Amino acid sequence: MSNATPATPTTSATSSPRLPVRLAAEAAGTFLLVFALVGAANHTAVFPDEHNAVGVGLLGVALTLGLTVMIGASAFGPISGGHFNPAVTVGLAVAGRHRWAEVVPYAVAQVVGGSIGAGALLLIAGQGSAGFLDAAIDGGFASNGFGSQSPGGFSLLGVAVAETMATALFVTVILRVTGSAGSPVPAPVVIGSTLTVLLLTLIPVSNASLNPARSFATAVFAGPEWLAQWWAFLVFPVLGAVLAGSGARLLRRA
């Protein structure tokens, strides 16, 4: 990560912390992301119940993720680059901004951190009122899905297009604001704000993934029917990230 752009999702080829330290930072940041996002979706989006909706709603869930990414990028970005998302790591590698040899270790750390975050939420939910945990799991535990498991009943094709395009836009923004030209607005603010807007667009479509680690973390606890659809939230966000990274590389050569 360049000293000129602190707390942003990039990793420089020189003078960066040792890999185990960076992996720990990625795991911690992804833990924070999943813990906050899924906690807001399951605990406070509607509280105390559907008849008294004084909770944060979908806008609050989207803002929670955007703010969490800002916080995580500021806290852990100087250590690891603050990816917290395998698709972002792949996109940066395609663009020549991250070592290919570290893509898999980063992705594993992100999946592990996110899964621990989701597991911690389940542990907390189990201490709630009778039926709280069962209701969270029966509702999909904020997992991503298509068809009957899409919040709005969107088809696989609709979800594929949405997740690919949104992730491509997200990674493009990251590449632009963390590049050599920089941004007049701090990069974590731009990145978090972009994610908030994209979440508000995609929650009815797929429950808004853009992140295979986030999707796996909830699906693995929600049940086999959700885990069976996780492949879509691995393939299409990564595809979008590859498109964004390829576009950035081509523009740099033009």
Protein backbone atom coordinates (compact mmCIF):
# COMPACT_ATOMS: atom_id res chain seq x y z
CA MET A 1 0.00 0.00 0.00
CA SER A 2 1.36 3.35 -1.00
CA ASN A 3 2.23 5.82 1.71
CA ALA A 4 0.44 8.47 -0.35
CA THR A 5 -2.91 6.72 -0.04
CA PRO A 6 -3.26 5.35 3.49
CA ALA A 7 -6.12 3.08 4.56
CA THR A 8 -7.15 2.10 1.05
CA PRO A 9 -7.67 -1.34 -0.54
CA THR A 10 -4.30 -1.74 -2.23
CA THR A 11 -1.13 -3.62 -1.43
CA SER A 12 2.22 -2.38 -2.61
CA ALA A 13 5.07 -4.61 -3.69
CA THR A 14 7.43 -3.11 -1.11
CA SER A 15 7.63 -2.19 2.57
CA SER A 16 4.38 -3.89 3.59
CA PRO A 17 3.86 -5.87 6.81
CA ARG A 18 4.57 -9.60 6.81
CA LEU A 19 1.94 -11.78 5.18
CA PRO A 20 0.60 -13.37 8.42
CA VAL A 21 0.01 -9.88 9.84
CA ARG A 22 -1.81 -8.80 6.70
CA LEU A 23 -3.93 -11.95 6.71
CA ALA A 24 -4.90 -11.32 10.32
CA ALA A 25 -5.94 -7.79 9.37
CA GLU A 26 -8.04 -9.10 6.47
CA ALA A 27 -9.72 -11.64 8.75
CA ALA A 28 -10.43 -8.98 11.37
CA GLY A 29 -11.82 -6.54 8.82
CA THR A 30 -14.07 -9.17 7.25
CA PHE A 31 -15.22 -10.25 10.71
CA LEU A 32 -16.22 -6.64 11.39
CA LEU A 33 -18.00 -6.36 8.04
CA VAL A 34 -20.09 -9.52 8.45
CA PHE A 35 -20.75 -8.99 12.15
CA ALA A 36 -22.06 -5.47 11.59
CA LEU A 37 -23.97 -6.10 8.35
CA VAL A 38 -25.67 -9.35 9.30
CA GLY A 39 -26.24 -8.12 12.85
CA ALA A 40 -28.04 -5.05 11.54
CA ALA A 41 -30.07 -7.13 9.09
CA ASN A 42 -31.15 -9.72 11.65
CA HIS A 43 -31.32 -7.68 14.85
CA THR A 44 -32.25 -4.09 14.09
CA ALA A 45 -33.68 -3.84 10.57
CA VAL A 46 -37.09 -4.38 12.21
CA PHE A 47 -37.28 -4.25 15.98
CA PRO A 48 -38.91 -5.46 18.16
CA ASP A 49 -41.14 -7.15 15.56
CA GLU A 50 -42.82 -6.68 12.19
CA HIS A 51 -45.75 -4.85 13.77
CA ASN A 52 -43.59 -2.17 15.36
CA ALA A 53 -40.99 -1.33 12.75
CA VAL A 54 -38.91 1.18 14.65
CA GLY A 55 -35.67 -0.42 13.48
CA VAL A 56 -33.18 0.80 10.92
CA GLY A 57 -34.81 -0.80 7.87
CA LEU A 58 -33.07 -1.44 4.56
CA LEU A 59 -31.56 2.04 4.49
CA GLY A 60 -30.01 1.41 7.89
CA VAL A 61 -28.59 -1.93 6.78
CA ALA A 62 -27.00 -0.34 3.71
CA LEU A 63 -25.59 2.51 5.77
CA THR A 64 -24.26 0.03 8.31
CA LEU A 65 -22.21 -1.73 5.65
CA GLY A 66 -20.96 1.51 4.13
CA LEU A 67 -19.88 2.87 7.50
CA THR A 68 -18.31 -0.43 8.47
CA VAL A 69 -16.22 -0.47 5.30
CA MET A 70 -15.08 3.09 6.02
CA ILE A 71 -14.09 2.09 9.54
CA GLY A 72 -12.43 -1.15 8.48
CA ALA A 73 -10.48 0.50 5.65
CA SER A 74 -9.25 3.18 8.04
CA ALA A 75 -8.34 0.72 10.82
CA PHE A 76 -6.93 -2.20 8.83
CA GLY A 77 -6.20 -0.70 5.42
CA PRO A 78 -2.75 0.52 6.43
CA ILE A 79 -1.84 -3.08 7.29
CA SER A 80 -3.38 -5.24 4.57
CA GLY A 81 -4.92 -2.87 2.03
CA GLY A 82 -8.40 -3.38 3.47
CA HIS A 83 -9.92 -5.67 0.83
CA PHE A 84 -12.26 -7.73 3.07
CA ASN A 85 -13.62 -9.32 -0.11
CA PRO A 86 -12.14 -12.01 -2.39
CA ALA A 87 -13.61 -10.30 -5.45
CA VAL A 88 -11.79 -7.07 -4.60
CA THR A 89 -8.54 -8.99 -4.13
CA VAL A 90 -8.94 -10.67 -7.53
CA GLY A 91 -9.82 -7.38 -9.21
CA LEU A 92 -6.75 -5.68 -7.78
CA ALA A 93 -4.55 -8.60 -8.88
CA VAL A 94 -5.93 -8.45 -12.43
CA ALA A 95 -5.22 -4.72 -12.48
CA GLY A 96 -1.64 -5.36 -11.34
CA ARG A 97 -2.19 -3.85 -7.91
CA HIS A 98 -1.87 -7.01 -5.80
CA ARG A 99 0.37 -10.08 -5.85
CA TRP A 100 -1.28 -13.09 -7.48
CA ALA A 101 0.55 -15.39 -5.04
CA GLU A 102 -1.37 -13.80 -2.18
CA VAL A 103 -4.86 -13.97 -3.70
CA VAL A 104 -5.74 -17.37 -2.23
CA PRO A 105 -4.31 -16.65 1.25
CA TYR A 106 -6.22 -13.36 1.33
CA ALA A 107 -9.44 -15.08 0.23
CA VAL A 108 -9.06 -17.79 2.86
CA ALA A 109 -8.47 -15.19 5.58
CA GLN A 110 -11.55 -13.26 4.45
CA VAL A 111 -13.77 -16.35 4.44
CA VAL A 112 -12.52 -17.41 7.86
CA GLY A 113 -12.98 -13.94 9.36
CA GLY A 114 -16.46 -13.55 7.90
CA SER A 115 -17.54 -17.01 9.04
CA ILE A 116 -16.37 -16.32 12.59
CA GLY A 117 -18.35 -13.09 12.50
CA ALA A 118 -21.51 -14.93 11.42
CA GLY A 119 -20.90 -17.64 14.01
CA ALA A 120 -20.58 -15.02 16.75
CA LEU A 121 -23.93 -13.56 15.73
CA LEU A 122 -25.55 -16.99 15.94
CA LEU A 123 -24.11 -17.44 19.42
CA ILE A 124 -25.60 -14.11 20.46
CA ALA A 125 -28.93 -14.90 18.78
CA GLY A 126 -29.11 -18.13 20.77
CA GLN A 127 -29.21 -16.06 23.95
CA GLY A 128 -32.24 -14.08 22.81
CA SER A 129 -35.91 -14.68 23.43
CA ALA A 130 -37.47 -18.04 22.61
CA GLY A 131 -37.54 -18.55 18.86
CA PHE A 132 -35.19 -15.66 18.00
CA LEU A 133 -32.42 -17.93 16.73
CA ASP A 134 -34.81 -20.17 14.82
CA ALA A 135 -36.43 -17.15 13.19
CA ALA A 136 -33.05 -15.81 12.06
CA ILE A 137 -32.05 -19.13 10.49
CA ASP A 138 -35.49 -19.81 8.99
CA GLY A 139 -35.35 -16.36 7.39
CA GLY A 140 -32.08 -17.23 5.67
CA PHE A 141 -29.78 -15.41 8.11
CA ALA A 142 -29.44 -12.50 5.63
CA SER A 143 -28.03 -14.88 3.02
CA ASN A 144 -27.94 -14.18 -0.70
CA GLY A 145 -30.09 -16.05 -3.16
CA PHE A 146 -31.89 -16.18 -6.48
CA GLY A 147 -35.29 -17.52 -7.55
CA SER A 148 -37.38 -18.38 -4.51
CA GLN A 149 -34.50 -17.33 -2.26
CA SER A 150 -34.23 -13.85 -3.76
CA PRO A 151 -36.04 -11.23 -1.63
CA GLY A 152 -37.90 -10.02 -4.74
CA GLY A 153 -38.05 -13.37 -6.53
CA PHE A 154 -35.46 -12.38 -9.15
CA SER A 155 -34.20 -15.07 -11.53
CA LEU A 156 -30.66 -16.38 -11.72
CA LEU A 157 -30.10 -14.29 -14.86
CA GLY A 158 -31.26 -11.12 -13.12
CA VAL A 159 -29.06 -11.81 -10.13
CA ALA A 160 -26.08 -12.69 -12.36
CA VAL A 161 -26.32 -9.41 -14.27
CA ALA A 162 -26.86 -7.36 -11.12
CA GLU A 163 -24.02 -8.90 -9.11
CA THR A 164 -21.58 -8.77 -12.04
CA MET A 165 -22.32 -5.15 -12.93
CA ALA A 166 -22.43 -3.89 -9.36
CA THR A 167 -19.15 -5.58 -8.41
CA ALA A 168 -17.51 -4.24 -11.57
CA LEU A 169 -18.62 -0.73 -10.64
CA PHE A 170 -17.50 -1.18 -7.04
CA VAL A 171 -14.03 -2.44 -7.96
CA THR A 172 -13.69 0.28 -10.62
CA VAL A 173 -14.35 2.92 -7.97
CA ILE A 174 -11.77 1.31 -5.66
CA LEU A 175 -9.17 1.26 -8.43
CA ARG A 176 -9.83 4.89 -9.31
CA VAL A 177 -9.77 6.41 -5.83
CA THR A 178 -6.75 4.39 -4.68
CA GLY A 179 -4.77 4.96 -7.86
CA SER A 180 -1.91 7.35 -8.45
CA ALA A 181 -4.30 10.23 -9.21
CA GLY A 182 -5.95 9.78 -5.83
CA SER A 183 -9.25 11.39 -4.86
CA PRO A 184 -10.19 14.76 -3.31
CA VAL A 185 -12.38 12.81 -0.89
CA PRO A 186 -10.72 10.21 1.40
CA ALA A 187 -10.84 6.84 -0.34
CA PRO A 188 -12.59 4.96 2.52
CA VAL A 189 -15.44 7.50 2.40
CA VAL A 190 -15.90 7.10 -1.35
CA ILE A 191 -15.69 3.31 -1.18
CA GLY A 192 -18.10 3.02 1.74
CA SER A 193 -20.57 5.42 0.13
CA THR A 194 -20.44 3.48 -3.14
CA LEU A 195 -21.17 0.24 -1.33
CA THR A 196 -24.13 1.85 0.45
CA VAL A 197 -25.66 2.97 -2.86
CA LEU A 198 -25.11 -0.43 -4.47
CA LEU A 199 -26.65 -2.21 -1.50
CA LEU A 200 -29.76 -0.06 -1.72
CA THR A 201 -29.99 -1.07 -5.38
CA LEU A 202 -29.43 -4.80 -4.93
CA ILE A 203 -31.04 -5.80 -1.63
CA PRO A 204 -34.39 -6.62 -3.30
CA VAL A 205 -32.61 -8.50 -6.10
CA SER A 206 -30.15 -10.80 -4.32
CA ASN A 207 -29.87 -9.43 -0.79
CA ALA A 208 -26.75 -7.74 -2.16
CA SER A 209 -23.59 -9.81 -2.07
CA LEU A 210 -20.71 -8.34 -4.14
CA ASN A 211 -18.57 -10.38 -1.76
CA PRO A 212 -18.11 -14.18 -1.82
CA ALA A 213 -16.77 -14.23 1.74
CA ARG A 214 -19.82 -12.42 3.12
CA SER A 215 -22.11 -14.77 1.17
CA PHE A 216 -20.39 -17.93 2.36
CA ALA A 217 -20.33 -16.75 5.97
CA THR A 218 -24.12 -16.61 6.20
CA ALA A 219 -25.01 -19.44 3.80
CA VAL A 220 -22.94 -22.01 5.68
CA PHE A 221 -25.07 -21.42 8.78
CA ALA A 222 -28.41 -20.80 7.03
CA GLY A 223 -28.65 -24.32 5.64
CA PRO A 224 -27.96 -26.47 2.57
CA GLU A 225 -30.51 -24.76 0.34
CA TRP A 226 -28.68 -21.46 0.79
CA LEU A 227 -25.23 -22.98 0.56
CA ALA A 228 -26.25 -24.64 -2.72
CA GLN A 229 -26.68 -21.19 -4.28
CA TRP A 230 -23.40 -19.77 -2.97
CA TRP A 231 -21.64 -20.61 -6.24
CA ALA A 232 -23.49 -17.73 -7.93
CA PHE A 233 -22.16 -15.27 -5.36
CA LEU A 234 -18.67 -16.53 -5.95
CA VAL A 235 -18.75 -16.60 -9.76
CA PHE A 236 -20.54 -13.36 -10.61
CA PRO A 237 -18.85 -10.96 -8.17
CA VAL A 238 -15.45 -12.37 -9.21
CA LEU A 239 -16.44 -11.99 -12.87
CA GLY A 240 -17.36 -8.36 -12.26
CA ALA A 241 -14.06 -7.77 -10.47
CA VAL A 242 -12.10 -9.36 -13.35
CA LEU A 243 -13.89 -7.07 -15.82
CA ALA A 244 -13.05 -4.03 -13.70
CA GLY A 245 -9.42 -5.04 -13.27
CA SER A 246 -9.04 -5.81 -16.97
CA GLY A 247 -10.56 -2.47 -17.90
CA ALA A 248 -8.20 -0.62 -15.59
CA ARG A 249 -5.19 -2.43 -17.05
CA LEU A 250 -6.29 -1.67 -20.62
CA LEU A 251 -6.86 2.01 -19.86
CA ARG A 252 -3.42 2.24 -18.27
CA ARG A 253 -1.87 0.87 -21.45
CA ALA A 254 -3.92 3.07 -23.81
